[in-house]
Amino acid sequence: MTQHRINTGNHPPIKQYPRRLSLATKEEAERLVKKIVDSGIIEESSGPWASPIVLVKKKDVSTRFCVDYRKLNEITIKDSYPLLRIDDTLDALNGSQWFSTSDLKSGYWQVEIQPEDKEKTAFTTVQGLWKFR
């Protein structure tokens, strides 16, 4: 199974504080955090890393729980291997008869994170500090 690596080299941990939320947004955040905890996706953290959360309204008026990892992304060392060229990929598909797609619910929570990098996924809420399992 693939495990995601967050290579920050020797950069010191980044700690951001929770953003100010309205009462209604705060209650929605608490509900979503409880749901994600109950699903076994996140757990409490006590590490030095912390990113703020962002709640985004979806088209169907439900709320998407997001973490603002822009500061973490800035210090993450990018992989050096090249992505496949789209024209080469399309050439490889030439003559194929069957195609399929896959749509995973909350797909960005489907890839496991290497144990030594899990604390870098920590995020802050008014309820505390959490990290992805």
C-alpha atoms as a PDB file:
ATOM      1  CA  MET A   1       0.000   0.000   0.000  1.00  0.00           C
ATOM      2  CA  THR A   2       1.167   3.519  -0.767  1.00  0.00           C
ATOM      3  CA  GLN A   3       2.015   5.840   2.091  1.00  0.00           C
ATOM      4  CA  HIS A   4       2.233   9.594   1.621  1.00  0.00           C
ATOM      5  CA  ARG A   5       5.472  11.280   2.690  1.00  0.00           C
ATOM      6  CA  ILE A   6       5.658  14.919   3.841  1.00  0.00           C
ATOM      7  CA  ASN A   7       9.345  15.737   3.488  1.00  0.00           C
ATOM      8  CA  THR A   8      10.121  19.033   5.207  1.00  0.00           C
ATOM      9  CA  GLY A   9      13.838  18.376   5.599  1.00  0.00           C
ATOM     10  CA  ASN A  10      15.219  20.045   8.729  1.00  0.00           C
ATOM     11  CA  HIS A  11      12.707  22.900   8.740  1.00  0.00           C
ATOM     12  CA  PRO A  12      11.409  23.707  12.233  1.00  0.00           C
ATOM     13  CA  PRO A  13       7.724  22.929  12.861  1.00  0.00           C
ATOM     14  CA  ILE A  14       5.133  25.468  11.765  1.00  0.00           C
ATOM     15  CA  LYS A  15       2.518  26.358  14.359  1.00  0.00           C
ATOM     16  CA  GLN A  16      -0.503  28.433  13.392  1.00  0.00           C
ATOM     17  CA  TYR A  17      -3.364  29.322  15.681  1.00  0.00           C
ATOM     18  CA  PRO A  18      -7.042  28.603  15.008  1.00  0.00           C
ATOM     19  CA  ARG A  19      -8.861  31.200  12.972  1.00  0.00           C
ATOM     20  CA  ARG A  20     -11.718  33.122  14.493  1.00  0.00           C
ATOM     21  CA  LEU A  21     -15.081  31.534  13.617  1.00  0.00           C
ATOM     22  CA  SER A  22     -18.658  32.690  14.036  1.00  0.00           C
ATOM     23  CA  LEU A  23     -20.730  30.810  16.618  1.00  0.00           C
ATOM     24  CA  ALA A  24     -22.627  28.902  13.903  1.00  0.00           C
ATOM     25  CA  THR A  25     -19.395  28.001  12.094  1.00  0.00           C
ATOM     26  CA  LYS A  26     -17.761  26.983  15.375  1.00  0.00           C
ATOM     27  CA  GLU A  27     -20.663  24.614  16.130  1.00  0.00           C
ATOM     28  CA  GLU A  28     -20.458  23.156  12.609  1.00  0.00           C
ATOM     29  CA  ALA A  29     -16.695  22.653  13.031  1.00  0.00           C
ATOM     30  CA  GLU A  30     -17.253  20.849  16.345  1.00  0.00           C
ATOM     31  CA  ARG A  31     -19.859  18.589  14.713  1.00  0.00           C
ATOM     32  CA  LEU A  32     -17.551  17.767  11.797  1.00  0.00           C
ATOM     33  CA  VAL A  33     -14.543  17.098  14.049  1.00  0.00           C
ATOM     34  CA  LYS A  34     -16.650  14.710  16.160  1.00  0.00           C
ATOM     35  CA  LYS A  35     -17.815  12.932  12.995  1.00  0.00           C
ATOM     36  CA  ILE A  36     -14.239  12.563  11.724  1.00  0.00           C
ATOM     37  CA  VAL A  37     -13.004  11.364  15.144  1.00  0.00           C
ATOM     38  CA  ASP A  38     -15.840   8.820  15.310  1.00  0.00           C
ATOM     39  CA  SER A  39     -14.860   7.619  11.813  1.00  0.00           C
ATOM     40  CA  GLY A  40     -11.316   6.913  13.057  1.00  0.00           C
ATOM     41  CA  ILE A  41      -9.729   9.343  10.591  1.00  0.00           C
ATOM     42  CA  ILE A  42      -8.178  11.739  13.127  1.00  0.00           C
ATOM     43  CA  GLU A  43      -6.917  11.563  16.694  1.00  0.00           C
ATOM     44  CA  GLU A  44      -5.738  14.034  19.316  1.00  0.00           C
ATOM     45  CA  SER A  45      -2.232  15.389  18.913  1.00  0.00           C
ATOM     46  CA  SER A  46       0.295  17.077  21.164  1.00  0.00           C
ATOM     47  CA  GLY A  47       3.056  17.724  18.645  1.00  0.00           C
ATOM     48  CA  PRO A  48       4.614  21.034  17.593  1.00  0.00           C
ATOM     49  CA  TRP A  49       2.892  21.287  14.180  1.00  0.00           C
ATOM     50  CA  ALA A  50      -0.460  23.060  13.721  1.00  0.00           C
ATOM     51  CA  SER A  51      -2.428  24.370  10.747  1.00  0.00           C
ATOM     52  CA  PRO A  52      -5.810  26.150  10.845  1.00  0.00           C
ATOM     53  CA  ILE A  53      -9.061  24.681   9.544  1.00  0.00           C
ATOM     54  CA  VAL A  54     -11.313  26.118   6.863  1.00  0.00           C
ATOM     55  CA  LEU A  55     -14.971  25.193   6.370  1.00  0.00           C
ATOM     56  CA  VAL A  56     -16.151  25.461   2.773  1.00  0.00           C
ATOM     57  CA  LYS A  57     -19.785  25.404   1.669  1.00  0.00           C
ATOM     58  CA  LYS A  58     -20.414  22.861  -1.101  1.00  0.00           C
ATOM     59  CA  LYS A  59     -22.933  23.273  -3.924  1.00  0.00           C
ATOM     60  CA  ASP A  60     -25.456  21.136  -2.042  1.00  0.00           C
ATOM     61  CA  VAL A  61     -25.118  23.504   0.980  1.00  0.00           C
ATOM     62  CA  SER A  62     -23.366  20.886   3.099  1.00  0.00           C
ATOM     63  CA  THR A  63     -19.965  21.782   4.556  1.00  0.00           C
ATOM     64  CA  ARG A  64     -16.571  20.474   3.497  1.00  0.00           C
ATOM     65  CA  PHE A  65     -13.987  20.251   6.276  1.00  0.00           C
ATOM     66  CA  CYS A  66     -10.584  21.451   5.051  1.00  0.00           C
ATOM     67  CA  VAL A  67      -7.222  22.225   6.591  1.00  0.00           C
ATOM     68  CA  ASP A  68      -5.182  25.173   5.319  1.00  0.00           C
ATOM     69  CA  TYR A  69      -1.812  23.540   4.670  1.00  0.00           C
ATOM     70  CA  ARG A  70      -0.394  26.387   2.555  1.00  0.00           C
ATOM     71  CA  LYS A  71       2.425  27.135   5.040  1.00  0.00           C
ATOM     72  CA  LEU A  72       3.274  23.412   5.267  1.00  0.00           C
ATOM     73  CA  ASN A  73       3.214  23.112   1.470  1.00  0.00           C
ATOM     74  CA  GLU A  74       5.675  26.027   1.179  1.00  0.00           C
ATOM     75  CA  ILE A  75       8.338  24.132   3.137  1.00  0.00           C
ATOM     76  CA  THR A  76       7.617  20.652   1.777  1.00  0.00           C
ATOM     77  CA  ILE A  77      10.365  19.411  -0.524  1.00  0.00           C
ATOM     78  CA  LYS A  78       8.784  18.527  -3.862  1.00  0.00           C
ATOM     79  CA  ASP A  79       9.339  15.133  -5.479  1.00  0.00           C
ATOM     80  CA  SER A  80      11.832  15.346  -8.332  1.00  0.00           C
ATOM     81  CA  TYR A  81      10.446  12.595 -10.551  1.00  0.00           C
ATOM     82  CA  PRO A  82       8.510  13.890 -13.547  1.00  0.00           C
ATOM     83  CA  LEU A  83       4.827  13.308 -14.145  1.00  0.00           C
ATOM     84  CA  LEU A  84       3.916  11.368 -17.253  1.00  0.00           C
ATOM     85  CA  ARG A  85       3.284  13.438 -20.353  1.00  0.00           C
ATOM     86  CA  ILE A  86      -0.425  13.568 -21.188  1.00  0.00           C
ATOM     87  CA  ASP A  87       0.208  12.841 -24.884  1.00  0.00           C
ATOM     88  CA  ASP A  88       2.211   9.696 -24.000  1.00  0.00           C
ATOM     89  CA  THR A  89      -0.572   8.586 -21.667  1.00  0.00           C
ATOM     90  CA  LEU A  90      -3.231   9.134 -24.335  1.00  0.00           C
ATOM     91  CA  ASP A  91      -1.106   7.251 -26.895  1.00  0.00           C
ATOM     92  CA  ALA A  92      -0.906   4.298 -24.483  1.00  0.00           C
ATOM     93  CA  LEU A  93      -4.716   4.254 -24.258  1.00  0.00           C
ATOM     94  CA  ASN A  94      -5.125   4.185 -28.042  1.00  0.00           C
ATOM     95  CA  GLY A  95      -7.107   1.126 -29.108  1.00  0.00           C
ATOM     96  CA  SER A  96      -8.404   0.375 -25.617  1.00  0.00           C
ATOM     97  CA  GLN A  97     -11.989  -0.871 -25.418  1.00  0.00           C
ATOM     98  CA  TRP A  98     -12.722  -0.531 -21.715  1.00  0.00           C
ATOM     99  CA  PHE A  99     -12.291   2.444 -19.421  1.00  0.00           C
ATOM    100  CA  SER A 100     -13.371   3.009 -15.832  1.00  0.00           C
ATOM    101  CA  THR A 101     -13.402   5.767 -13.279  1.00  0.00           C
ATOM    102  CA  SER A 102     -13.404   5.720  -9.522  1.00  0.00           C
ATOM    103  CA  ASP A 103     -14.828   8.361  -7.223  1.00  0.00           C
ATOM    104  CA  LEU A 104     -13.874   7.882  -3.581  1.00  0.00           C
ATOM    105  CA  LYS A 105     -15.890   9.636  -0.906  1.00  0.00           C
ATOM    106  CA  SER A 106     -13.529  12.058   0.837  1.00  0.00           C
ATOM    107  CA  GLY A 107     -10.808  10.715  -1.443  1.00  0.00           C
ATOM    108  CA  TYR A 108      -8.097  12.912   0.042  1.00  0.00           C
ATOM    109  CA  TRP A 109      -8.473  10.917   3.290  1.00  0.00           C
ATOM    110  CA  GLN A 110      -7.880   7.592   1.517  1.00  0.00           C
ATOM    111  CA  VAL A 111      -4.065   7.602   1.350  1.00  0.00           C
ATOM    112  CA  GLU A 112      -2.177   6.539   4.457  1.00  0.00           C
ATOM    113  CA  ILE A 113       0.506   8.866   5.812  1.00  0.00           C
ATOM    114  CA  GLN A 114       3.928   7.622   6.876  1.00  0.00           C
ATOM    115  CA  PRO A 115       4.034   7.351  10.688  1.00  0.00           C
ATOM    116  CA  GLU A 116       6.891   9.851  11.087  1.00  0.00           C
ATOM    117  CA  ASP A 117       4.934  12.481   9.125  1.00  0.00           C
ATOM    118  CA  LYS A 118       1.516  12.202  10.781  1.00  0.00           C
ATOM    119  CA  GLU A 119       2.255  14.955  13.317  1.00  0.00           C
ATOM    120  CA  LYS A 120       2.799  17.372  10.400  1.00  0.00           C
ATOM    121  CA  THR A 121      -0.888  16.957   9.505  1.00  0.00           C
ATOM    122  CA  ALA A 122      -1.942  18.448  12.854  1.00  0.00           C
ATOM    123  CA  PHE A 123      -4.614  21.121  12.807  1.00  0.00           C
ATOM    124  CA  THR A 124      -6.127  23.373  15.430  1.00  0.00           C
ATOM    125  CA  THR A 125      -9.736  23.921  16.400  1.00  0.00           C
ATOM    126  CA  VAL A 126     -11.332  25.426  19.470  1.00  0.00           C
ATOM    127  CA  GLN A 127     -11.603  21.805  20.682  1.00  0.00           C
ATOM    128  CA  GLY A 128      -7.860  21.249  20.556  1.00  0.00           C
ATOM    129  CA  LEU A 129      -5.093  19.864  18.357  1.00  0.00           C
ATOM    130  CA  TRP A 130      -5.785  16.916  16.021  1.00  0.00           C
ATOM    131  CA  LYS A 131      -3.800  14.913  13.482  1.00  0.00           C
ATOM    132  CA  PHE A 132      -4.672  12.473  10.736  1.00  0.00           C
ATOM    133  CA  ARG A 133      -4.140   8.806  11.505  1.00  0.00           C
END
